[in-house]
Amino acid sequence: MSSSAARTHPFFFEGSGAKVGAAYFVSALSPDLSVVRFARYGANYIPRNTPVLADVDDINNNIGFWRPQADFRIPERLSPGFTNFPDVEIETMFEDMVKTFVRYQANIGERAIKTHPDADLVMVYIEQPDGSEHQFLLTDPRQGTNPTDPNSIGANQDAAKVKRYASYIRFAYQTADKAVKQIADAAGRDSNVIVVSDHGFAPFHTSVNLTNILRNAGIDTNKVGIRTSGPAADIYINLQNRELGGTVDLATYRTLVAQITDAVKNAVDPNARFNYSLKDQRIFTVVETRPLQCDAGTGQCISKTIGQDYGDVFALMAPGYNFDGIQNPGVARQGDAPFNAATTMLSMPNFYGAHGHDPELSVMSATFIAAGPQIRKDTVVRHMRNIDVAPTIMRILGSAPQLVDGEVLGQVLR
């Protein structure tokens, strides 16, 4: 065998009640065996939950045991053993997982349709291109093509890597497109088919440490709980009589809400190599604060923008900035001070695409495609929300939407 990559070989572990799927992938194998590199993908299985046990057995017996899905820990080298694999071999593994897992998902969808021909509604989730855009959306000159080298931005980006990454994203879309076609063909021309994604994507060049933003502003982070997801953050204060074991009194709570709000609103990126897409260098585009005047100090006031489960301060960052992807050890961006775990707010991330930004931004726009006997042809939908999909499907099924968010997309229906 040459040194080119070999296909995966799936297998399952015996000795348990579940069929646990995994796969080996040979990424390098020289004829004289002087170089051998191979990986075992993560092990996965379908839980044997009693209400769906017959379906689990049907999938295992007729489609095959659960295939490993594209694992971000491999291209980000977070799993042990991948440090010395060349980039191209790591990328080829991820591409292989994209192909085999999406194909597996499509086969399950097709099987479900064929075994339930009278079903009124079939919903199938396809994991791509989401995973590939997280790993390969390398489209901004501010992104380092080598996550450990702050100089690999701009003119010093690896042009070959940028080109490869673009091909992997195209492949993910093509793979997902084939899966949609397979499922639509199984459903037949007398079925209505709706394809929808839940968000867009933006390139990601700077990882943000919110704890250090607050610490640097003089806030005692032992009094708060920080919950981040992508570019969004909820900051909860450990308020007495609200939180279990709460220690912060009402007066201190109010002071902290104001201090945290100011710290987040005033957080800036002073580095001109990166901040040119920001307004006034400010990292956060949305900052909402829980109202303080509507109760007797329980910290449970709500507003049109702050719900019951939100933090006392909610904040959302501009595209290009994300709370995830902080490396260990951290890597300072080009032009920044040396990385310091206790104070550094902005650093180089170890992946490339992100979502969760303000949904009003065009870059966050999602896909909506519909076709079928109850769908108007050649209709362009200028504006819609994801919450409009459910009531539209209910109308197609002949059910009057009640007590649901969203509106029926009447313009697309016959």
Protein backbone atom coordinates (compact mmCIF):
# COMPACT_ATOMS: atom_id res chain seq x y z
CA MET A 1 0.00 0.00 0.00
CA SER A 2 1.23 3.50 -0.75
CA SER A 3 1.41 6.27 1.81
CA SER A 4 -1.98 7.62 0.72
CA ALA A 5 -4.87 7.31 3.16
CA ALA A 6 -6.87 4.10 3.34
CA ARG A 7 -10.60 3.82 3.91
CA THR A 8 -12.02 3.31 7.36
CA HIS A 9 -12.73 -0.15 8.70
CA PRO A 10 -15.72 -0.17 11.07
CA PHE A 11 -16.04 -2.59 13.94
CA PHE A 12 -17.99 -2.98 17.15
CA PHE A 13 -17.10 -4.04 20.67
CA GLU A 14 -18.54 -7.29 21.91
CA GLY A 15 -19.46 -8.11 25.47
CA SER A 16 -22.01 -5.38 26.13
CA GLY A 17 -25.71 -4.95 25.55
CA ALA A 18 -25.07 -2.19 23.01
CA LYS A 19 -23.39 -2.43 19.65
CA VAL A 20 -20.63 0.11 20.07
CA GLY A 21 -19.32 1.36 16.76
CA ALA A 22 -15.88 2.74 16.00
CA ALA A 23 -13.45 2.66 13.10
CA TYR A 24 -9.77 2.47 12.31
CA PHE A 25 -8.28 4.80 9.72
CA VAL A 26 -4.82 4.20 8.23
CA SER A 27 -3.41 7.58 7.26
CA ALA A 28 0.14 6.48 6.33
CA LEU A 29 1.55 3.06 5.50
CA SER A 30 4.83 2.77 3.65
CA PRO A 31 5.59 -0.44 1.69
CA ASP A 32 8.44 -1.41 4.03
CA LEU A 33 6.40 -0.51 7.15
CA SER A 34 9.00 2.05 8.17
CA VAL A 35 6.16 4.54 8.57
CA VAL A 36 2.78 3.47 9.93
CA ARG A 37 0.19 5.90 11.26
CA PHE A 38 -3.38 5.01 12.04
CA ALA A 39 -6.12 6.27 14.31
CA ARG A 40 -9.09 4.82 16.07
CA TYR A 41 -12.12 7.06 15.95
CA GLY A 42 -14.25 7.67 19.02
CA ALA A 43 -16.60 4.86 20.05
CA ASN A 44 -20.34 5.55 19.73
CA TYR A 45 -23.58 3.67 20.15
CA ILE A 46 -27.34 4.21 20.15
CA PRO A 47 -28.60 4.04 23.76
CA ARG A 48 -30.93 1.10 24.26
CA ASN A 49 -33.84 3.08 25.63
CA THR A 50 -36.84 0.82 26.16
CA PRO A 51 -39.47 2.91 24.28
CA VAL A 52 -37.40 2.82 21.06
CA LEU A 53 -35.63 -0.49 21.51
CA ALA A 54 -37.20 -2.02 18.40
CA ASP A 55 -35.97 0.91 16.29
CA VAL A 56 -32.48 0.66 17.77
CA ASP A 57 -32.33 -3.03 16.87
CA ASP A 58 -33.73 -2.33 13.41
CA ILE A 59 -31.03 0.27 12.73
CA ASN A 60 -28.24 -1.93 14.09
CA ASN A 61 -29.39 -4.96 12.10
CA ASN A 62 -30.34 -3.29 8.80
CA ILE A 63 -28.29 -0.09 8.56
CA GLY A 64 -25.38 -0.98 10.80
CA PHE A 65 -24.16 0.07 14.21
CA TRP A 66 -23.69 3.73 14.97
CA ARG A 67 -20.94 5.25 12.84
CA PRO A 68 -18.43 7.68 14.39
CA GLN A 69 -19.41 11.26 13.55
CA ALA A 70 -16.95 14.00 12.66
CA ASP A 71 -14.96 14.56 15.85
CA PHE A 72 -13.63 18.09 16.47
CA ARG A 73 -11.06 16.69 18.92
CA ILE A 74 -9.05 15.26 16.03
CA PRO A 75 -8.42 18.38 13.86
CA GLU A 76 -8.00 20.46 17.01
CA ARG A 77 -5.58 17.80 18.31
CA LEU A 78 -7.35 17.63 21.65
CA SER A 79 -7.44 13.84 21.71
CA PRO A 80 -4.23 12.13 22.89
CA GLY A 81 -1.87 10.88 20.23
CA PHE A 82 -2.61 13.26 17.36
CA THR A 83 0.16 15.77 18.03
CA ASN A 84 2.59 14.40 15.46
CA PHE A 85 0.13 13.61 12.66
CA PRO A 86 0.66 15.84 9.58
CA ASP A 87 -2.11 18.34 8.89
CA VAL A 88 -3.26 16.68 5.69
CA GLU A 89 -3.70 13.30 7.38
CA ILE A 90 -5.72 14.83 10.20
CA GLU A 91 -7.88 16.69 7.68
CA THR A 92 -8.43 13.53 5.63
CA MET A 93 -9.64 11.70 8.74
CA PHE A 94 -12.20 14.41 9.42
CA GLU A 95 -13.36 14.39 5.80
CA ASP A 96 -13.75 10.61 5.98
CA MET A 97 -15.90 10.92 9.11
CA VAL A 98 -18.03 13.57 7.38
CA LYS A 99 -18.67 11.24 4.45
CA THR A 100 -19.39 8.06 6.40
CA PHE A 101 -21.52 9.62 9.15
CA VAL A 102 -23.73 11.72 6.86
CA ARG A 103 -24.24 8.71 4.63
CA TYR A 104 -25.24 6.73 7.73
CA GLN A 105 -27.71 9.44 8.76
CA ALA A 106 -29.24 9.47 5.28
CA ASN A 107 -29.58 5.68 5.29
CA ILE A 108 -31.43 5.86 8.61
CA GLY A 109 -33.77 8.51 7.21
CA GLU A 110 -34.45 6.45 4.11
CA ARG A 111 -35.06 3.34 6.21
CA ALA A 112 -37.51 5.23 8.45
CA ILE A 113 -39.52 6.42 5.44
CA LYS A 114 -39.67 2.99 3.83
CA THR A 115 -40.70 1.22 7.03
CA HIS A 116 -43.32 3.89 7.87
CA PRO A 117 -44.90 4.65 4.45
CA ASP A 118 -47.99 6.22 6.02
CA ALA A 119 -46.11 8.66 8.25
CA ASP A 120 -47.45 12.20 8.13
CA LEU A 121 -44.18 13.78 9.28
CA VAL A 122 -40.56 12.63 9.10
CA MET A 123 -37.77 14.78 10.55
CA VAL A 124 -34.11 14.03 9.82
CA TYR A 125 -31.12 15.93 11.18
CA ILE A 126 -27.94 16.11 9.08
CA GLU A 127 -24.85 17.11 11.08
CA GLN A 128 -23.04 18.77 8.18
CA PRO A 129 -21.91 21.30 7.06
CA ASP A 130 -21.96 22.63 10.64
CA GLY A 131 -19.02 20.59 11.92
CA SER A 132 -16.85 21.27 8.89
CA GLU A 133 -17.43 25.03 9.03
CA HIS A 134 -16.34 25.09 12.66
CA GLN A 135 -13.07 23.43 11.66
CA PHE A 136 -12.40 24.80 8.16
CA LEU A 137 -13.97 28.27 7.73
CA LEU A 138 -10.60 29.84 7.03
CA THR A 139 -11.68 32.91 5.03
CA ASP A 140 -10.39 35.90 7.02
CA PRO A 141 -6.82 37.25 6.82
CA ARG A 142 -6.86 37.66 10.60
CA GLN A 143 -7.05 33.89 11.11
CA GLY A 144 -3.79 32.10 11.83
CA THR A 145 -3.31 29.13 9.54
CA ASN A 146 -1.09 27.67 12.26
CA PRO A 147 -2.94 28.10 15.59
CA THR A 148 0.35 28.04 17.51
CA ASP A 149 2.06 30.67 15.30
CA PRO A 150 0.78 34.26 15.71
CA ASN A 151 2.67 35.28 12.58
CA SER A 152 0.65 32.98 10.31
CA ILE A 153 -1.94 35.67 9.52
CA GLY A 154 -2.38 38.03 6.57
CA ALA A 155 0.29 37.65 3.92
CA ASN A 156 1.90 34.88 5.97
CA GLN A 157 -1.12 32.59 5.84
CA ASP A 158 -0.50 29.15 4.36
CA ALA A 159 -2.21 29.57 0.97
CA ALA A 160 -2.30 25.82 0.32
CA LYS A 161 -4.06 25.24 3.64
CA VAL A 162 -6.62 27.96 2.89
CA LYS A 163 -7.36 26.26 -0.43
CA ARG A 164 -7.67 22.81 1.17
CA TYR A 165 -10.00 24.12 3.83
CA ALA A 166 -12.28 25.66 1.21
CA SER A 167 -12.46 22.27 -0.52
CA TYR A 168 -13.48 20.55 2.73
CA ILE A 169 -16.39 22.95 3.21
CA ARG A 170 -17.53 22.37 -0.39
CA PHE A 171 -17.31 18.65 0.26
CA ALA A 172 -19.46 18.99 3.40
CA TYR A 173 -22.15 20.84 1.45
CA GLN A 174 -22.01 18.32 -1.37
CA THR A 175 -22.27 15.43 1.09
CA ALA A 176 -25.24 17.00 2.85
CA ASP A 177 -26.87 17.74 -0.53
CA LYS A 178 -26.59 14.07 -1.53
CA ALA A 179 -28.16 13.06 1.77
CA VAL A 180 -31.08 15.44 1.25
CA LYS A 181 -31.62 14.05 -2.26
CA GLN A 182 -31.54 10.48 -0.98
CA ILE A 183 -34.16 11.26 1.66
CA ALA A 184 -36.33 13.29 -0.75
CA ASP A 185 -36.23 10.48 -3.32
CA ALA A 186 -37.33 8.02 -0.64
CA ALA A 187 -40.22 10.30 0.34
CA GLY A 188 -41.40 10.57 -3.27
CA ARG A 189 -42.76 13.38 -5.43
CA ASP A 190 -46.09 13.40 -3.61
CA SER A 191 -44.36 14.58 -0.42
CA ASN A 192 -43.55 18.10 0.71
CA VAL A 193 -39.87 18.52 1.54
CA ILE A 194 -38.52 21.38 3.66
CA VAL A 195 -34.78 21.92 4.14
CA VAL A 196 -33.81 24.35 6.87
CA SER A 197 -30.62 25.20 8.75
CA ASP A 198 -30.59 26.79 12.17
CA HIS A 199 -27.94 29.48 11.68
CA GLY A 200 -25.25 30.90 9.45
CA PHE A 201 -21.50 31.00 10.12
CA ALA A 202 -18.73 33.54 10.55
CA PRO A 203 -14.94 33.14 10.51
CA PHE A 204 -13.40 33.20 13.98
CA HIS A 205 -10.01 34.85 14.63
CA THR A 206 -9.94 35.84 18.32
CA SER A 207 -10.73 33.81 21.42
CA VAL A 208 -12.01 35.82 24.39
CA ASN A 209 -11.60 35.16 28.12
CA LEU A 210 -14.59 36.73 29.91
CA THR A 211 -13.27 35.91 33.38
CA ASN A 212 -10.18 38.02 32.69
CA ILE A 213 -12.28 40.87 31.26
CA LEU A 214 -14.13 41.05 34.59
CA ARG A 215 -11.01 40.55 36.71
CA ASN A 216 -9.16 43.28 34.84
CA ALA A 217 -12.08 45.61 35.58
CA GLY A 218 -11.66 44.95 39.32
CA ILE A 219 -14.67 42.64 39.70
CA ASP A 220 -14.51 39.78 42.21
CA THR A 221 -15.30 36.81 39.97
CA ASN A 222 -15.82 34.60 43.02
CA LYS A 223 -19.20 36.33 43.40
CA VAL A 224 -20.42 35.52 39.89
CA GLY A 225 -21.13 32.53 37.70
CA ILE A 226 -20.14 32.85 34.04
CA ARG A 227 -21.84 30.71 31.41
CA THR A 228 -20.60 31.14 27.86
CA SER A 229 -21.68 29.55 24.61
CA GLY A 230 -19.87 30.56 21.44
CA PRO A 231 -20.06 34.37 21.34
CA ALA A 232 -22.85 34.64 23.96
CA ALA A 233 -22.50 34.99 27.72
CA ASP A 234 -24.81 34.95 30.72
CA ILE A 235 -23.31 36.32 33.92
CA TYR A 236 -25.11 35.36 37.14
CA ILE A 237 -24.46 37.00 40.50
CA ASN A 238 -24.54 34.74 43.57
CA LEU A 239 -27.47 36.62 45.10
CA GLN A 240 -28.82 35.80 48.55
CA ASN A 241 -32.33 34.32 48.65
CA ARG A 242 -32.15 33.43 44.96
CA GLU A 243 -29.12 31.21 44.44
CA LEU A 244 -28.50 28.09 46.51
CA GLY A 245 -25.89 29.20 49.02
CA GLY A 246 -26.08 32.79 47.78
CA THR A 247 -23.66 35.16 49.51
CA VAL A 248 -24.19 38.54 47.82
CA ASP A 249 -26.55 41.00 49.54
CA LEU A 250 -28.95 43.21 47.60
CA ALA A 251 -26.88 46.40 47.73
CA THR A 252 -23.74 44.58 46.53
CA TYR A 253 -25.82 42.82 43.87
CA ARG A 254 -26.96 46.11 42.38
CA THR A 255 -23.44 47.47 42.43
CA LEU A 256 -22.09 44.35 40.72
CA VAL A 257 -24.76 44.45 38.01
CA ALA A 258 -23.69 47.99 37.15
CA GLN A 259 -19.97 47.18 37.29
CA ILE A 260 -20.30 44.06 35.13
CA THR A 261 -22.44 45.92 32.59
CA ASP A 262 -19.85 48.69 32.32
CA ALA A 263 -16.95 46.21 32.07
CA VAL A 264 -18.58 44.33 29.22
CA LYS A 265 -19.79 47.42 27.35
CA ASN A 266 -16.32 48.97 27.59
CA ALA A 267 -14.34 45.85 26.63
CA VAL A 268 -12.30 46.72 23.56
CA ASP A 269 -9.77 45.19 21.22
CA PRO A 270 -6.96 47.76 20.86
CA ASN A 271 -5.02 45.71 18.30
CA ALA A 272 -5.43 47.33 14.87
CA ARG A 273 -4.48 44.08 13.14
CA PHE A 274 -7.77 42.59 14.35
CA ASN A 275 -10.22 45.31 15.43
CA TYR A 276 -11.00 46.97 12.09
CA SER A 277 -14.40 45.26 11.82
CA LEU A 278 -15.52 46.57 15.22
CA LYS A 279 -17.41 49.75 16.03
CA ASP A 280 -15.24 51.92 18.28
CA GLN A 281 -13.08 48.84 18.96
CA ARG A 282 -15.88 47.42 21.17
CA ILE A 283 -16.01 43.61 21.29
CA PHE A 284 -19.63 43.30 22.43
CA THR A 285 -22.50 44.38 20.18
CA VAL A 286 -25.35 43.50 22.56
CA VAL A 287 -25.35 44.00 26.33
CA GLU A 288 -28.61 43.55 28.27
CA THR A 289 -29.05 43.96 32.02
CA ARG A 290 -31.70 42.47 34.30
CA PRO A 291 -33.99 45.30 35.52
CA LEU A 292 -33.54 46.05 39.21
CA GLN A 293 -36.61 48.05 40.19
CA CYS A 294 -39.52 45.61 39.83
CA ASP A 295 -39.21 43.42 42.91
CA ALA A 296 -38.04 43.37 46.51
CA GLY A 297 -34.56 42.14 45.81
CA THR A 298 -35.14 38.61 44.53
CA GLY A 299 -33.22 39.28 41.31
CA GLN A 300 -36.01 37.78 39.21
CA CYS A 301 -37.16 40.81 37.23
CA ILE A 302 -37.63 40.20 33.50
CA SER A 303 -37.97 42.42 30.47
CA LYS A 304 -38.53 42.08 26.72
CA THR A 305 -34.86 41.17 26.34
CA ILE A 306 -34.00 39.45 29.65
CA GLY A 307 -35.94 36.29 30.42
CA GLN A 308 -36.24 34.36 33.66
CA ASP A 309 -33.28 32.07 32.98
CA TYR A 310 -30.95 34.72 31.54
CA GLY A 311 -28.00 35.96 33.49
CA ASP A 312 -28.15 39.22 35.38
CA VAL A 313 -26.10 40.50 32.46
CA PHE A 314 -26.36 39.02 28.97
CA ALA A 315 -23.74 39.88 26.35
CA LEU A 316 -23.17 38.99 22.70
CA MET A 317 -19.94 39.51 20.76
CA ALA A 318 -19.26 40.74 17.25
CA PRO A 319 -18.40 38.22 14.50
CA GLY A 320 -14.78 37.14 14.63
CA TYR A 321 -14.77 36.88 18.42
CA ASN A 322 -15.75 33.81 20.43
CA PHE A 323 -15.44 32.49 23.98
CA ASP A 324 -14.46 29.02 22.79
CA GLY A 325 -11.15 27.81 21.42
CA ILE A 326 -8.75 29.15 24.07
CA GLN A 327 -5.62 27.06 23.72
CA ASN A 328 -3.70 25.41 26.54
CA PRO A 329 -1.08 26.73 26.77
CA GLY A 330 -2.47 29.98 25.44
CA VAL A 331 -1.04 31.70 22.36
CA ALA A 332 -0.85 35.50 22.14
CA ARG A 333 -2.00 37.14 18.90
CA GLN A 334 0.46 39.05 16.73
CA GLY A 335 1.06 42.46 18.27
CA ASP A 336 -0.34 41.59 21.72
CA ALA A 337 1.57 41.30 24.99
CA PRO A 338 2.88 37.83 25.92
CA PHE A 339 0.12 35.47 26.98
CA ASN A 340 -0.67 35.52 30.71
CA ALA A 341 -3.34 33.09 31.90
CA ALA A 342 -4.40 35.43 34.72
CA THR A 343 -4.84 38.61 32.66
CA THR A 344 -4.94 37.95 28.89
CA MET A 345 -8.38 38.69 27.45
CA LEU A 346 -7.77 38.02 23.73
CA SER A 347 -5.75 35.20 22.18
CA MET A 348 -5.42 32.90 19.17
CA PRO A 349 -8.07 30.15 18.89
CA ASN A 350 -7.59 26.59 17.69
CA PHE A 351 -10.51 26.40 15.24
CA TYR A 352 -11.98 28.63 12.57
CA GLY A 353 -15.77 29.00 12.37
CA ALA A 354 -18.45 30.16 14.83
CA HIS A 355 -22.14 30.98 15.08
CA GLY A 356 -24.52 32.30 17.72
CA HIS A 357 -24.00 35.98 16.89
CA ASP A 358 -26.85 38.49 16.52
CA PRO A 359 -29.40 36.74 14.25
CA GLU A 360 -30.13 40.03 12.51
CA LEU A 361 -26.66 39.94 10.92
CA SER A 362 -26.70 38.75 7.30
CA VAL A 363 -23.79 36.38 7.96
CA MET A 364 -26.03 34.53 10.44
CA SER A 365 -28.82 34.03 7.89
CA ALA A 366 -29.94 30.42 7.54
CA THR A 367 -31.16 28.21 4.66
CA PHE A 368 -34.83 27.65 3.85
CA ILE A 369 -35.80 25.59 0.80
CA ALA A 370 -39.23 24.02 0.27
CA ALA A 371 -40.74 21.97 -2.56
CA GLY A 372 -43.73 19.70 -3.06
CA PRO A 373 -47.37 19.58 -4.06
CA GLN A 374 -48.42 22.12 -1.42
CA ILE A 375 -45.52 24.50 -2.04
CA ARG A 376 -45.69 27.38 -4.52
CA LYS A 377 -43.07 27.27 -7.25
CA ASP A 378 -40.58 30.07 -7.90
CA THR A 379 -41.32 31.89 -4.65
CA VAL A 380 -38.55 33.86 -2.94
CA VAL A 381 -38.82 34.27 0.84
CA ARG A 382 -37.28 37.61 1.73
CA HIS A 383 -37.49 37.32 5.49
CA MET A 384 -38.48 34.58 7.91
CA ARG A 385 -37.55 33.17 11.30
CA ASN A 386 -36.76 29.62 12.30
CA ILE A 387 -39.77 29.68 14.63
CA ASP A 388 -41.96 30.10 11.51
CA VAL A 389 -41.11 26.60 10.27
CA ALA A 390 -43.16 24.66 12.84
CA PRO A 391 -46.48 26.48 12.31
CA THR A 392 -45.98 26.24 8.54
CA ILE A 393 -45.57 22.46 8.80
CA MET A 394 -48.64 22.31 11.04
CA ARG A 395 -50.66 24.12 8.36
CA ILE A 396 -49.44 21.67 5.71
CA LEU A 397 -50.55 18.81 7.97
CA GLY A 398 -54.00 20.38 8.29
CA SER A 399 -53.59 21.44 11.90
CA ALA A 400 -54.33 24.98 13.04
CA PRO A 401 -51.28 26.36 14.87
CA GLN A 402 -52.25 27.43 18.38
CA LEU A 403 -50.16 28.64 21.29
CA VAL A 404 -46.94 28.35 19.27
CA ASP A 405 -44.32 30.95 18.49
CA GLY A 406 -43.88 31.99 14.89
CA GLU A 407 -46.21 32.55 11.96
CA VAL A 408 -47.34 30.45 9.02
CA LEU A 409 -45.35 31.28 5.88
CA GLY A 410 -48.48 31.68 3.83
CA GLN A 411 -46.61 33.08 0.83
CA VAL A 412 -44.94 29.73 0.17
CA LEU A 413 -48.10 27.59 0.39
CA ARG A 414 -50.57 26.84 -2.36
